[in-house]
Amino acid sequence: MIRRLAILTAVAAAVAVGAPSLHAYLKLGYELNGRLVGLSWTKPVGYLITNRNVTGVTAAQLQSAVAGALGVWASPSNVQLSSQFLGFTNLDPDVDDGFTVIGFRSRPDLDRTLGATSFEIDAVTGQFIAADIFLNSFFEWSAAANGDSTRFDVASVVTHEIGHLLGLGHSALGETEPRSGGGRLVLGKRAVMFPIAYPRGSVLDRSLQADDIAGITDIYGDADAERELGAISGRVTLNGAGVFGAHVTAFNSATGDLVSGFSLNSNGEFVIAALVPGVYIVRVEPLDDADIDGFFDEDFPPNLNFRVSYYTKQVAVPKGGTSGSIEIKVRAK
């Protein structure tokens, strides 16, 4: 749960701050007068681009990448999103100025962070004022159509950051291994919103996967989404008590789609929404092979003391409805 009301920050390739929501996705939000307010845009996303070129990417190319990423997030069926480019500016991103600004800044002190998204919130009224994205020009970037093996792909990283700007936190659908010099190397992932970027040269994060589509539809879905899609709801329990922070995955055995979320209260309750109707295999695991602070605030640590488990039956997700509450019982390690 994010405690900072003035500015909320989500960091791309290294660490991020995410806020538990009423559903199982990690969405971004803040607490106001004891109430959790999720971040979402109720009007077109109007943004400025910092007029600063870096080696490999001009300001105009960055604007093209941003427009493309916003289009990608708006492309799923039944998602209602719009945006407007307001022009180039000398303003820097990540500054409390009341404008949504996207651009490059050099932050060599953040040598594991490709980019970051921050939000400006009125701490008194709770009004969402603006959001900024900065890309770290300490790294080498490329706007090449097919990527550049020696540089990070600006379109891919911008697509991840736009996901944050639209209100999504991180997905845990990915596998990594430690690097010898520090940090982690991505072996594979099933979501653009996984917190660690692919290596230089990869353009894979330009396209959304099933988990990203479910998350953005859950926030911005129209009335047809509610009628056409379904959900899985339930609890994760250990010896009868709820498990907070369990990673729950739903695998559609017909399509191969994988969508995940977390149990986000002390009762172990979760809801994975915006699912294509069908039959799912539901699995639960502890978040014990990832950097916890990429998903949860240190004041709300998840329970890691349980074993991987599956729900005992396949779960049917109906059109326009839920599976009914299921209970996934786990055992202590």
C-alpha atoms as a PDB file:
ATOM      1  CA  MET A   1       0.000   0.000   0.000  1.00  0.00           C
ATOM      2  CA  ILE A   2       1.480   3.317  -1.029  1.00  0.00           C
ATOM      3  CA  ARG A   3       1.711   5.774   1.844  1.00  0.00           C
ATOM      4  CA  ARG A   4       3.063   8.828   0.017  1.00  0.00           C
ATOM      5  CA  LEU A   5       0.179  11.042  -1.027  1.00  0.00           C
ATOM      6  CA  ALA A   6       1.970  13.813  -2.874  1.00  0.00           C
ATOM      7  CA  ILE A   7       4.034  11.722  -5.277  1.00  0.00           C
ATOM      8  CA  LEU A   8       3.703   7.993  -5.970  1.00  0.00           C
ATOM      9  CA  THR A   9       6.615   6.321  -7.757  1.00  0.00           C
ATOM     10  CA  ALA A  10       6.850   3.144  -9.805  1.00  0.00           C
ATOM     11  CA  VAL A  11      10.285   2.184 -11.097  1.00  0.00           C
ATOM     12  CA  ALA A  12      10.686   0.158 -14.264  1.00  0.00           C
ATOM     13  CA  ALA A  13      13.575  -2.240 -14.591  1.00  0.00           C
ATOM     14  CA  ALA A  14      14.771  -2.540 -11.024  1.00  0.00           C
ATOM     15  CA  VAL A  15      12.366  -1.708  -8.209  1.00  0.00           C
ATOM     16  CA  ALA A  16       8.800  -0.444  -8.031  1.00  0.00           C
ATOM     17  CA  VAL A  17       6.215   0.604  -5.491  1.00  0.00           C
ATOM     18  CA  GLY A  18       2.851  -1.056  -6.028  1.00  0.00           C
ATOM     19  CA  ALA A  19      -0.435  -0.796  -4.182  1.00  0.00           C
ATOM     20  CA  PRO A  20      -2.765  -3.692  -3.410  1.00  0.00           C
ATOM     21  CA  SER A  21      -6.228  -3.162  -4.788  1.00  0.00           C
ATOM     22  CA  LEU A  22      -9.579  -4.842  -4.406  1.00  0.00           C
ATOM     23  CA  HIS A  23      -8.689  -7.169  -7.257  1.00  0.00           C
ATOM     24  CA  ALA A  24      -5.664  -9.416  -7.447  1.00  0.00           C
ATOM     25  CA  TYR A  25      -3.616  -7.321  -9.849  1.00  0.00           C
ATOM     26  CA  LEU A  26      -1.052  -5.028  -8.343  1.00  0.00           C
ATOM     27  CA  LYS A  27      -2.493  -1.665  -9.262  1.00  0.00           C
ATOM     28  CA  LEU A  28      -1.118   1.688  -8.279  1.00  0.00           C
ATOM     29  CA  GLY A  29      -3.041   3.766  -5.782  1.00  0.00           C
ATOM     30  CA  TYR A  30      -2.890   5.677  -2.540  1.00  0.00           C
ATOM     31  CA  GLU A  31      -4.649   5.858   0.784  1.00  0.00           C
ATOM     32  CA  LEU A  32      -6.860   8.879   1.432  1.00  0.00           C
ATOM     33  CA  ASN A  33      -8.836   9.214   4.673  1.00  0.00           C
ATOM     34  CA  GLY A  34      -8.605   5.480   5.243  1.00  0.00           C
ATOM     35  CA  ARG A  35      -9.830   4.677   1.740  1.00  0.00           C
ATOM     36  CA  LEU A  36      -7.750   3.140  -1.040  1.00  0.00           C
ATOM     37  CA  VAL A  37      -8.022   5.148  -4.268  1.00  0.00           C
ATOM     38  CA  GLY A  38      -6.850   3.438  -7.441  1.00  0.00           C
ATOM     39  CA  LEU A  39      -5.046   5.474 -10.071  1.00  0.00           C
ATOM     40  CA  SER A  40      -6.852   5.781 -13.402  1.00  0.00           C
ATOM     41  CA  TRP A  41      -7.441   8.426 -16.036  1.00  0.00           C
ATOM     42  CA  THR A  42     -10.999   9.680 -16.384  1.00  0.00           C
ATOM     43  CA  LYS A  43     -10.100  11.952 -19.303  1.00  0.00           C
ATOM     44  CA  PRO A  44      -7.699  11.644 -22.258  1.00  0.00           C
ATOM     45  CA  VAL A  45      -4.059  11.307 -21.282  1.00  0.00           C
ATOM     46  CA  GLY A  46      -2.586  14.676 -22.296  1.00  0.00           C
ATOM     47  CA  TYR A  47       1.221  14.599 -22.300  1.00  0.00           C
ATOM     48  CA  LEU A  48       4.287  16.687 -23.167  1.00  0.00           C
ATOM     49  CA  ILE A  49       7.655  15.399 -24.402  1.00  0.00           C
ATOM     50  CA  THR A  50      10.877  16.917 -23.065  1.00  0.00           C
ATOM     51  CA  ASN A  51      12.717  18.460 -25.996  1.00  0.00           C
ATOM     52  CA  ARG A  52      15.996  16.617 -25.381  1.00  0.00           C
ATOM     53  CA  ASN A  53      17.759  14.210 -27.744  1.00  0.00           C
ATOM     54  CA  VAL A  54      20.055  11.455 -26.594  1.00  0.00           C
ATOM     55  CA  THR A  55      22.393   9.305 -28.631  1.00  0.00           C
ATOM     56  CA  GLY A  56      20.218   6.863 -30.541  1.00  0.00           C
ATOM     57  CA  VAL A  57      16.849   8.540 -29.840  1.00  0.00           C
ATOM     58  CA  THR A  58      15.590  12.011 -30.718  1.00  0.00           C
ATOM     59  CA  ALA A  59      12.771  13.752 -28.889  1.00  0.00           C
ATOM     60  CA  ALA A  60      10.585  13.192 -31.954  1.00  0.00           C
ATOM     61  CA  GLN A  61      11.370   9.470 -31.928  1.00  0.00           C
ATOM     62  CA  LEU A  62      10.534   9.322 -28.238  1.00  0.00           C
ATOM     63  CA  GLN A  63       7.186  10.985 -28.947  1.00  0.00           C
ATOM     64  CA  SER A  64       6.508   8.375 -31.635  1.00  0.00           C
ATOM     65  CA  ALA A  65       7.362   5.581 -29.174  1.00  0.00           C
ATOM     66  CA  VAL A  66       5.044   7.065 -26.536  1.00  0.00           C
ATOM     67  CA  ALA A  67       2.176   7.445 -28.996  1.00  0.00           C
ATOM     68  CA  GLY A  68       2.727   3.876 -30.134  1.00  0.00           C
ATOM     69  CA  ALA A  69       2.765   2.539 -26.573  1.00  0.00           C
ATOM     70  CA  LEU A  70      -0.433   4.380 -25.681  1.00  0.00           C
ATOM     71  CA  GLY A  71      -2.000   2.867 -28.777  1.00  0.00           C
ATOM     72  CA  VAL A  72      -0.861  -0.606 -27.752  1.00  0.00           C
ATOM     73  CA  TRP A  73      -2.484  -0.272 -24.321  1.00  0.00           C
ATOM     74  CA  ALA A  74      -5.683   1.056 -25.892  1.00  0.00           C
ATOM     75  CA  SER A  75      -5.846  -1.736 -28.481  1.00  0.00           C
ATOM     76  CA  PRO A  76      -7.462  -4.639 -26.551  1.00  0.00           C
ATOM     77  CA  SER A  77     -11.146  -5.164 -27.237  1.00  0.00           C
ATOM     78  CA  ASN A  78     -13.464  -3.342 -24.835  1.00  0.00           C
ATOM     79  CA  VAL A  79     -10.738  -1.034 -23.449  1.00  0.00           C
ATOM     80  CA  GLN A  80     -11.666   2.652 -23.390  1.00  0.00           C
ATOM     81  CA  LEU A  81      -8.553   4.848 -23.460  1.00  0.00           C
ATOM     82  CA  SER A  82      -7.584   7.983 -25.352  1.00  0.00           C
ATOM     83  CA  SER A  83      -4.571  10.282 -25.372  1.00  0.00           C
ATOM     84  CA  GLN A  84      -3.372  13.592 -26.792  1.00  0.00           C
ATOM     85  CA  PHE A  85       0.142  14.833 -27.517  1.00  0.00           C
ATOM     86  CA  LEU A  86       0.316  18.440 -26.286  1.00  0.00           C
ATOM     87  CA  GLY A  87       3.716  19.333 -27.725  1.00  0.00           C
ATOM     88  CA  PHE A  88       7.412  19.496 -26.871  1.00  0.00           C
ATOM     89  CA  THR A  89       8.596  21.302 -23.747  1.00  0.00           C
ATOM     90  CA  ASN A  90      11.721  22.370 -21.884  1.00  0.00           C
ATOM     91  CA  LEU A  91      10.217  20.959 -18.681  1.00  0.00           C
ATOM     92  CA  ASP A  92      11.933  17.936 -17.158  1.00  0.00           C
ATOM     93  CA  PRO A  93       9.998  14.836 -16.179  1.00  0.00           C
ATOM     94  CA  ASP A  94       9.803  13.693 -12.562  1.00  0.00           C
ATOM     95  CA  VAL A  95       9.240  17.251 -11.346  1.00  0.00           C
ATOM     96  CA  ASP A  96       6.231  18.416  -9.321  1.00  0.00           C
ATOM     97  CA  ASP A  97       4.885  20.922 -11.857  1.00  0.00           C
ATOM     98  CA  GLY A  98       1.287  19.902 -12.611  1.00  0.00           C
ATOM     99  CA  PHE A  99       2.059  18.629 -16.134  1.00  0.00           C
ATOM    100  CA  THR A 100       2.407  15.110 -17.514  1.00  0.00           C
ATOM    101  CA  VAL A 101       5.904  15.097 -18.975  1.00  0.00           C
ATOM    102  CA  ILE A 102       7.845  12.240 -20.578  1.00  0.00           C
ATOM    103  CA  GLY A 103      11.528  12.544 -21.396  1.00  0.00           C
ATOM    104  CA  PHE A 104      15.160  11.641 -20.824  1.00  0.00           C
ATOM    105  CA  ARG A 105      17.192  12.585 -17.771  1.00  0.00           C
ATOM    106  CA  SER A 106      20.655  11.429 -16.767  1.00  0.00           C
ATOM    107  CA  ARG A 107      20.600   9.583 -13.427  1.00  0.00           C
ATOM    108  CA  PRO A 108      23.902   7.680 -13.086  1.00  0.00           C
ATOM    109  CA  ASP A 109      23.077   7.193  -9.405  1.00  0.00           C
ATOM    110  CA  LEU A 110      20.224   4.900 -10.530  1.00  0.00           C
ATOM    111  CA  ASP A 111      22.458   2.469 -12.365  1.00  0.00           C
ATOM    112  CA  ARG A 112      19.883  -0.352 -12.355  1.00  0.00           C
ATOM    113  CA  THR A 113      16.879   1.766 -13.326  1.00  0.00           C
ATOM    114  CA  LEU A 114      16.006   2.231 -16.978  1.00  0.00           C
ATOM    115  CA  GLY A 115      13.034   4.442 -16.240  1.00  0.00           C
ATOM    116  CA  ALA A 116      10.487   5.480 -13.659  1.00  0.00           C
ATOM    117  CA  THR A 117       6.912   6.729 -13.492  1.00  0.00           C
ATOM    118  CA  SER A 118       5.776   9.160 -10.819  1.00  0.00           C
ATOM    119  CA  PHE A 119       2.373  10.579  -9.963  1.00  0.00           C
ATOM    120  CA  GLU A 120       1.330  13.943  -8.611  1.00  0.00           C
ATOM    121  CA  ILE A 121      -1.648  13.738  -6.246  1.00  0.00           C
ATOM    122  CA  ASP A 122      -3.329  16.483  -4.219  1.00  0.00           C
ATOM    123  CA  ALA A 123      -2.842  15.153  -0.689  1.00  0.00           C
ATOM    124  CA  VAL A 124      -5.875  17.063   0.603  1.00  0.00           C
ATOM    125  CA  THR A 125      -8.511  16.427  -2.048  1.00  0.00           C
ATOM    126  CA  GLY A 126      -7.092  13.242  -3.535  1.00  0.00           C
ATOM    127  CA  GLN A 127      -7.307  14.703  -7.027  1.00  0.00           C
ATOM    128  CA  PHE A 128      -5.031  13.047  -9.583  1.00  0.00           C
ATOM    129  CA  ILE A 129      -3.072  15.976 -11.059  1.00  0.00           C
ATOM    130  CA  ALA A 130      -0.411  14.589 -13.389  1.00  0.00           C
ATOM    131  CA  ALA A 131       2.098  11.816 -14.045  1.00  0.00           C
ATOM    132  CA  ASP A 132       5.664  11.841 -15.361  1.00  0.00           C
ATOM    133  CA  ILE A 133       7.921   9.268 -16.991  1.00  0.00           C
ATOM    134  CA  PHE A 134      11.676   9.674 -17.061  1.00  0.00           C
ATOM    135  CA  LEU A 135      14.026   7.461 -19.062  1.00  0.00           C
ATOM    136  CA  ASN A 136      17.560   7.232 -17.750  1.00  0.00           C
ATOM    137  CA  SER A 137      20.039   8.511 -20.348  1.00  0.00           C
ATOM    138  CA  PHE A 138      22.825   6.910 -18.306  1.00  0.00           C
ATOM    139  CA  PHE A 139      21.982   3.855 -20.438  1.00  0.00           C
ATOM    140  CA  GLU A 140      22.320   3.494 -24.215  1.00  0.00           C
ATOM    141  CA  TRP A 141      19.020   3.632 -26.113  1.00  0.00           C
ATOM    142  CA  SER A 142      17.731   2.740 -29.552  1.00  0.00           C
ATOM    143  CA  ALA A 143      14.682   3.655 -31.627  1.00  0.00           C
ATOM    144  CA  ALA A 144      15.598   1.216 -34.409  1.00  0.00           C
ATOM    145  CA  ALA A 145      12.617  -0.560 -35.944  1.00  0.00           C
ATOM    146  CA  ASN A 146      14.055  -4.008 -35.195  1.00  0.00           C
ATOM    147  CA  GLY A 147      16.094  -3.059 -32.149  1.00  0.00           C
ATOM    148  CA  ASP A 148      19.842  -2.721 -31.670  1.00  0.00           C
ATOM    149  CA  SER A 149      21.746  -5.529 -29.955  1.00  0.00           C
ATOM    150  CA  THR A 150      23.955  -3.046 -28.086  1.00  0.00           C
ATOM    151  CA  ARG A 151      21.164  -0.770 -26.767  1.00  0.00           C
ATOM    152  CA  PHE A 152      17.894  -0.875 -24.863  1.00  0.00           C
ATOM    153  CA  ASP A 153      14.747  -0.556 -26.950  1.00  0.00           C
ATOM    154  CA  VAL A 154      12.950   2.683 -26.123  1.00  0.00           C
ATOM    155  CA  ALA A 155       9.573   1.439 -27.374  1.00  0.00           C
ATOM    156  CA  SER A 156       9.689  -1.625 -25.095  1.00  0.00           C
ATOM    157  CA  VAL A 157      10.622   0.268 -21.952  1.00  0.00           C
ATOM    158  CA  VAL A 158       8.139   3.055 -22.707  1.00  0.00           C
ATOM    159  CA  THR A 159       5.377   0.447 -23.097  1.00  0.00           C
ATOM    160  CA  HIS A 160       6.171  -0.855 -19.596  1.00  0.00           C
ATOM    161  CA  GLU A 161       6.213   2.652 -18.139  1.00  0.00           C
ATOM    162  CA  ILE A 162       2.966   3.633 -19.864  1.00  0.00           C
ATOM    163  CA  GLY A 163       1.427   0.612 -18.133  1.00  0.00           C
ATOM    164  CA  HIS A 164       2.411   2.206 -14.820  1.00  0.00           C
ATOM    165  CA  LEU A 165       1.176   5.619 -15.940  1.00  0.00           C
ATOM    166  CA  LEU A 166      -2.217   4.038 -16.659  1.00  0.00           C
ATOM    167  CA  GLY A 167      -2.366   2.545 -13.161  1.00  0.00           C
ATOM    168  CA  LEU A 168      -0.876  -0.941 -13.376  1.00  0.00           C
ATOM    169  CA  GLY A 169       1.709  -2.263 -10.942  1.00  0.00           C
ATOM    170  CA  HIS A 170       4.022  -5.183 -11.555  1.00  0.00           C
ATOM    171  CA  SER A 171       3.276  -8.714 -12.699  1.00  0.00           C
ATOM    172  CA  ALA A 172       5.206 -11.683 -11.295  1.00  0.00           C
ATOM    173  CA  LEU A 173       4.923 -13.787 -14.469  1.00  0.00           C
ATOM    174  CA  GLY A 174       8.583 -14.227 -15.285  1.00  0.00           C
ATOM    175  CA  GLU A 175      11.723 -16.198 -14.532  1.00  0.00           C
ATOM    176  CA  THR A 176      15.142 -14.704 -13.811  1.00  0.00           C
ATOM    177  CA  GLU A 177      18.577 -15.734 -12.661  1.00  0.00           C
ATOM    178  CA  PRO A 178      21.219 -13.693 -10.784  1.00  0.00           C
ATOM    179  CA  ARG A 179      23.889 -11.925 -12.811  1.00  0.00           C
ATOM    180  CA  SER A 180      27.501 -12.377 -11.769  1.00  0.00           C
ATOM    181  CA  GLY A 181      27.933  -8.597 -11.515  1.00  0.00           C
ATOM    182  CA  GLY A 182      24.674  -7.990  -9.658  1.00  0.00           C
ATOM    183  CA  GLY A 183      21.072  -7.703 -10.697  1.00  0.00           C
ATOM    184  CA  ARG A 184      19.064 -10.396 -12.488  1.00  0.00           C
ATOM    185  CA  LEU A 185      18.841 -11.658 -16.053  1.00  0.00           C
ATOM    186  CA  VAL A 186      15.396 -12.376 -17.509  1.00  0.00           C
ATOM    187  CA  LEU A 187      15.098 -15.933 -18.816  1.00  0.00           C
ATOM    188  CA  GLY A 188      11.523 -15.429 -19.957  1.00  0.00           C
ATOM    189  CA  LYS A 189       8.344 -13.623 -18.991  1.00  0.00           C
ATOM    190  CA  ARG A 190       4.641 -13.604 -19.777  1.00  0.00           C
ATOM    191  CA  ALA A 191       3.884  -9.935 -19.128  1.00  0.00           C
ATOM    192  CA  VAL A 192       5.176  -6.542 -20.210  1.00  0.00           C
ATOM    193  CA  MET A 193       4.594  -5.476 -16.598  1.00  0.00           C
ATOM    194  CA  PHE A 194       7.170  -7.914 -15.192  1.00  0.00           C
ATOM    195  CA  PRO A 195       9.548  -5.639 -13.234  1.00  0.00           C
ATOM    196  CA  ILE A 196      12.810  -6.562 -14.968  1.00  0.00           C
ATOM    197  CA  ALA A 197      13.459  -5.621 -18.588  1.00  0.00           C
ATOM    198  CA  TYR A 198      14.712  -7.916 -21.308  1.00  0.00           C
ATOM    199  CA  PRO A 199      18.402  -7.477 -22.237  1.00  0.00           C
ATOM    200  CA  ARG A 200      19.685  -4.996 -24.810  1.00  0.00           C
ATOM    201  CA  GLY A 201      18.363  -5.585 -28.291  1.00  0.00           C
ATOM    202  CA  SER A 202      15.078  -7.209 -27.332  1.00  0.00           C
ATOM    203  CA  VAL A 203      11.835  -5.725 -28.699  1.00  0.00           C
ATOM    204  CA  LEU A 204       9.533  -8.325 -27.116  1.00  0.00           C
ATOM    205  CA  ASP A 205       7.961  -5.873 -24.674  1.00  0.00           C
ATOM    206  CA  ARG A 206       6.415  -3.834 -27.471  1.00  0.00           C
ATOM    207  CA  SER A 207       3.435  -6.236 -27.451  1.00  0.00           C
ATOM    208  CA  LEU A 208       1.010  -6.980 -24.620  1.00  0.00           C
ATOM    209  CA  GLN A 209       0.476 -10.465 -23.276  1.00  0.00           C
ATOM    210  CA  ALA A 210      -2.634 -12.019 -21.727  1.00  0.00           C
ATOM    211  CA  ASP A 211      -1.778 -10.817 -18.220  1.00  0.00           C
ATOM    212  CA  ASP A 212      -1.314  -7.226 -19.394  1.00  0.00           C
ATOM    213  CA  ILE A 213      -4.552  -7.312 -21.360  1.00  0.00           C
ATOM    214  CA  ALA A 214      -6.510  -8.609 -18.377  1.00  0.00           C
ATOM    215  CA  GLY A 215      -5.024  -5.932 -16.118  1.00  0.00           C
ATOM    216  CA  ILE A 216      -5.739  -2.986 -18.426  1.00  0.00           C
ATOM    217  CA  THR A 217      -9.234  -4.298 -19.180  1.00  0.00           C
ATOM    218  CA  ASP A 218      -9.948  -4.608 -15.473  1.00  0.00           C
ATOM    219  CA  ILE A 219      -9.244  -0.879 -15.046  1.00  0.00           C
ATOM    220  CA  TYR A 220     -10.559   0.577 -18.314  1.00  0.00           C
ATOM    221  CA  GLY A 221     -12.963  -2.054 -19.585  1.00  0.00           C
ATOM    222  CA  ASP A 222     -16.306  -0.938 -20.996  1.00  0.00           C
ATOM    223  CA  ALA A 223     -19.764  -2.405 -20.379  1.00  0.00           C
ATOM    224  CA  ASP A 224     -19.149  -5.112 -22.982  1.00  0.00           C
ATOM    225  CA  ALA A 225     -16.109  -6.300 -21.038  1.00  0.00           C
ATOM    226  CA  GLU A 226     -18.265  -6.843 -17.971  1.00  0.00           C
ATOM    227  CA  ARG A 227     -20.790  -8.829 -20.021  1.00  0.00           C
ATOM    228  CA  GLU A 228     -18.304 -10.867 -22.065  1.00  0.00           C
ATOM    229  CA  LEU A 229     -15.527 -11.669 -19.592  1.00  0.00           C
ATOM    230  CA  GLY A 230     -15.439 -13.513 -16.282  1.00  0.00           C
ATOM    231  CA  ALA A 231     -13.427 -13.866 -13.099  1.00  0.00           C
ATOM    232  CA  ILE A 232     -11.981 -16.304 -10.585  1.00  0.00           C
ATOM    233  CA  SER A 233     -12.395 -15.395  -6.928  1.00  0.00           C
ATOM    234  CA  GLY A 234     -11.453 -17.116  -3.719  1.00  0.00           C
ATOM    235  CA  ARG A 235      -9.080 -17.377  -0.783  1.00  0.00           C
ATOM    236  CA  VAL A 236      -5.614 -18.744  -0.114  1.00  0.00           C
ATOM    237  CA  THR A 237      -5.426 -20.282   3.351  1.00  0.00           C
ATOM    238  CA  LEU A 238      -2.810 -21.866   5.588  1.00  0.00           C
ATOM    239  CA  ASN A 239      -4.202 -23.907   8.478  1.00  0.00           C
ATOM    240  CA  GLY A 240      -7.489 -22.047   8.063  1.00  0.00           C
ATOM    241  CA  ALA A 241      -5.964 -18.554   8.173  1.00  0.00           C
ATOM    242  CA  GLY A 242      -5.723 -16.238   5.183  1.00  0.00           C
ATOM    243  CA  VAL A 243      -2.384 -15.836   3.373  1.00  0.00           C
ATOM    244  CA  PHE A 244      -1.443 -12.299   2.348  1.00  0.00           C
ATOM    245  CA  GLY A 245       0.639 -11.789  -0.794  1.00  0.00           C
ATOM    246  CA  ALA A 246       0.305 -15.249  -2.317  1.00  0.00           C
ATOM    247  CA  HIS A 247       0.919 -15.259  -6.063  1.00  0.00           C
ATOM    248  CA  VAL A 248      -2.085 -16.831  -7.788  1.00  0.00           C
ATOM    249  CA  THR A 249      -1.978 -17.843 -11.458  1.00  0.00           C
ATOM    250  CA  ALA A 250      -4.816 -18.910 -13.744  1.00  0.00           C
ATOM    251  CA  PHE A 251      -3.854 -20.984 -16.813  1.00  0.00           C
ATOM    252  CA  ASN A 252      -6.386 -21.351 -19.631  1.00  0.00           C
ATOM    253  CA  SER A 253      -5.814 -24.901 -20.861  1.00  0.00           C
ATOM    254  CA  ALA A 254      -7.449 -24.188 -24.244  1.00  0.00           C
ATOM    255  CA  THR A 255      -5.714 -20.944 -25.208  1.00  0.00           C
ATOM    256  CA  GLY A 256      -2.488 -21.223 -23.222  1.00  0.00           C
ATOM    257  CA  ASP A 257      -3.111 -17.793 -21.686  1.00  0.00           C
ATOM    258  CA  LEU A 258      -1.650 -17.172 -18.247  1.00  0.00           C
ATOM    259  CA  VAL A 259      -3.039 -14.438 -15.992  1.00  0.00           C
ATOM    260  CA  SER A 260      -1.939 -13.826 -12.431  1.00  0.00           C
ATOM    261  CA  GLY A 261      -2.508 -11.766  -9.336  1.00  0.00           C
ATOM    262  CA  PHE A 262      -2.107 -11.805  -5.578  1.00  0.00           C
ATOM    263  CA  SER A 263      -4.138 -12.350  -2.446  1.00  0.00           C
ATOM    264  CA  LEU A 264      -4.294  -8.837  -1.092  1.00  0.00           C
ATOM    265  CA  ASN A 265      -5.774  -8.856   2.401  1.00  0.00           C
ATOM    266  CA  SER A 266      -5.383 -10.715   5.692  1.00  0.00           C
ATOM    267  CA  ASN A 267      -8.202 -13.078   4.734  1.00  0.00           C
ATOM    268  CA  GLY A 268      -6.183 -14.280   1.742  1.00  0.00           C
ATOM    269  CA  GLU A 269      -8.850 -13.129  -0.699  1.00  0.00           C
ATOM    270  CA  PHE A 270      -8.186 -12.611  -4.398  1.00  0.00           C
ATOM    271  CA  VAL A 271     -10.102 -11.866  -7.589  1.00  0.00           C
ATOM    272  CA  ILE A 272      -8.560 -12.355 -11.029  1.00  0.00           C
ATOM    273  CA  ALA A 273     -10.885 -10.470 -13.367  1.00  0.00           C
ATOM    274  CA  ALA A 274     -11.240  -9.807 -17.106  1.00  0.00           C
ATOM    275  CA  LEU A 275     -10.689 -13.475 -17.972  1.00  0.00           C
ATOM    276  CA  VAL A 276     -11.797 -15.037 -21.232  1.00  0.00           C
ATOM    277  CA  PRO A 277     -14.520 -17.584 -20.367  1.00  0.00           C
ATOM    278  CA  GLY A 278     -13.184 -21.129 -20.220  1.00  0.00           C
ATOM    279  CA  VAL A 279     -11.585 -23.732 -17.975  1.00  0.00           C
ATOM    280  CA  TYR A 280      -8.564 -22.749 -15.897  1.00  0.00           C
ATOM    281  CA  ILE A 281      -5.937 -24.497 -13.793  1.00  0.00           C
ATOM    282  CA  VAL A 282      -5.240 -22.399 -10.691  1.00  0.00           C
ATOM    283  CA  ARG A 283      -1.856 -22.461  -8.977  1.00  0.00           C
ATOM    284  CA  VAL A 284      -0.550 -20.582  -5.941  1.00  0.00           C
ATOM    285  CA  GLU A 285       3.053 -19.953  -4.920  1.00  0.00           C
ATOM    286  CA  PRO A 286       5.059 -17.763  -2.541  1.00  0.00           C
ATOM    287  CA  LEU A 287       6.888 -14.762  -3.981  1.00  0.00           C
ATOM    288  CA  ASP A 288      10.196 -16.183  -2.765  1.00  0.00           C
ATOM    289  CA  ASP A 289      12.266 -15.975  -5.961  1.00  0.00           C
ATOM    290  CA  ALA A 290      11.840 -12.269  -6.666  1.00  0.00           C
ATOM    291  CA  ASP A 291      12.753  -8.899  -5.200  1.00  0.00           C
ATOM    292  CA  ILE A 292       9.831  -8.365  -2.824  1.00  0.00           C
ATOM    293  CA  ASP A 293      10.081  -4.574  -2.966  1.00  0.00           C
ATOM    294  CA  GLY A 294       9.273  -4.784  -6.668  1.00  0.00           C
ATOM    295  CA  PHE A 295       5.753  -5.803  -5.665  1.00  0.00           C
ATOM    296  CA  PHE A 296       4.957  -4.893  -2.060  1.00  0.00           C
ATOM    297  CA  ASP A 297       5.736  -2.043   0.278  1.00  0.00           C
ATOM    298  CA  GLU A 298       8.108  -2.990   3.100  1.00  0.00           C
ATOM    299  CA  ASP A 299       5.358  -2.150   5.605  1.00  0.00           C
ATOM    300  CA  PHE A 300       3.194  -4.926   4.127  1.00  0.00           C
ATOM    301  CA  PRO A 301       5.454  -7.957   3.549  1.00  0.00           C
ATOM    302  CA  PRO A 302       3.844 -11.001   1.897  1.00  0.00           C
ATOM    303  CA  ASN A 303       3.754 -14.423   3.542  1.00  0.00           C
ATOM    304  CA  LEU A 304       6.483 -16.588   2.010  1.00  0.00           C
ATOM    305  CA  ASN A 305       6.224 -19.570   4.376  1.00  0.00           C
ATOM    306  CA  PHE A 306       4.168 -21.968   2.293  1.00  0.00           C
ATOM    307  CA  ARG A 307       4.588 -24.469  -0.522  1.00  0.00           C
ATOM    308  CA  VAL A 308       3.440 -24.312  -4.113  1.00  0.00           C
ATOM    309  CA  SER A 309      -0.039 -25.747  -4.448  1.00  0.00           C
ATOM    310  CA  TYR A 310      -2.816 -26.238  -7.010  1.00  0.00           C
ATOM    311  CA  TYR A 311      -6.534 -25.976  -6.573  1.00  0.00           C
ATOM    312  CA  THR A 312      -7.858 -29.528  -6.522  1.00  0.00           C
ATOM    313  CA  LYS A 313     -10.218 -29.053  -9.488  1.00  0.00           C
ATOM    314  CA  GLN A 314     -10.220 -27.206 -12.782  1.00  0.00           C
ATOM    315  CA  VAL A 315     -12.112 -23.931 -12.485  1.00  0.00           C
ATOM    316  CA  ALA A 316     -14.830 -22.935 -14.950  1.00  0.00           C
ATOM    317  CA  VAL A 317     -15.066 -19.204 -15.683  1.00  0.00           C
ATOM    318  CA  PRO A 318     -18.474 -18.230 -17.096  1.00  0.00           C
ATOM    319  CA  LYS A 319     -19.242 -15.382 -19.436  1.00  0.00           C
ATOM    320  CA  GLY A 320     -20.150 -12.281 -17.431  1.00  0.00           C
ATOM    321  CA  GLY A 321     -19.768 -14.005 -14.059  1.00  0.00           C
ATOM    322  CA  THR A 322     -17.371 -15.515 -11.536  1.00  0.00           C
ATOM    323  CA  SER A 323     -16.204 -18.997 -10.717  1.00  0.00           C
ATOM    324  CA  GLY A 324     -17.759 -18.784  -7.280  1.00  0.00           C
ATOM    325  CA  SER A 325     -15.409 -18.585  -4.315  1.00  0.00           C
ATOM    326  CA  ILE A 326     -12.739 -21.264  -4.243  1.00  0.00           C
ATOM    327  CA  GLU A 327     -10.366 -22.041  -1.365  1.00  0.00           C
ATOM    328  CA  ILE A 328      -6.789 -22.996  -2.144  1.00  0.00           C
ATOM    329  CA  LYS A 329      -5.255 -24.639   0.889  1.00  0.00           C
ATOM    330  CA  VAL A 330      -1.489 -24.478   1.175  1.00  0.00           C
ATOM    331  CA  ARG A 331       0.961 -26.141   3.547  1.00  0.00           C
ATOM    332  CA  ALA A 332       3.814 -24.558   5.468  1.00  0.00           C
ATOM    333  CA  LYS A 333       7.352 -25.158   4.206  1.00  0.00           C
END
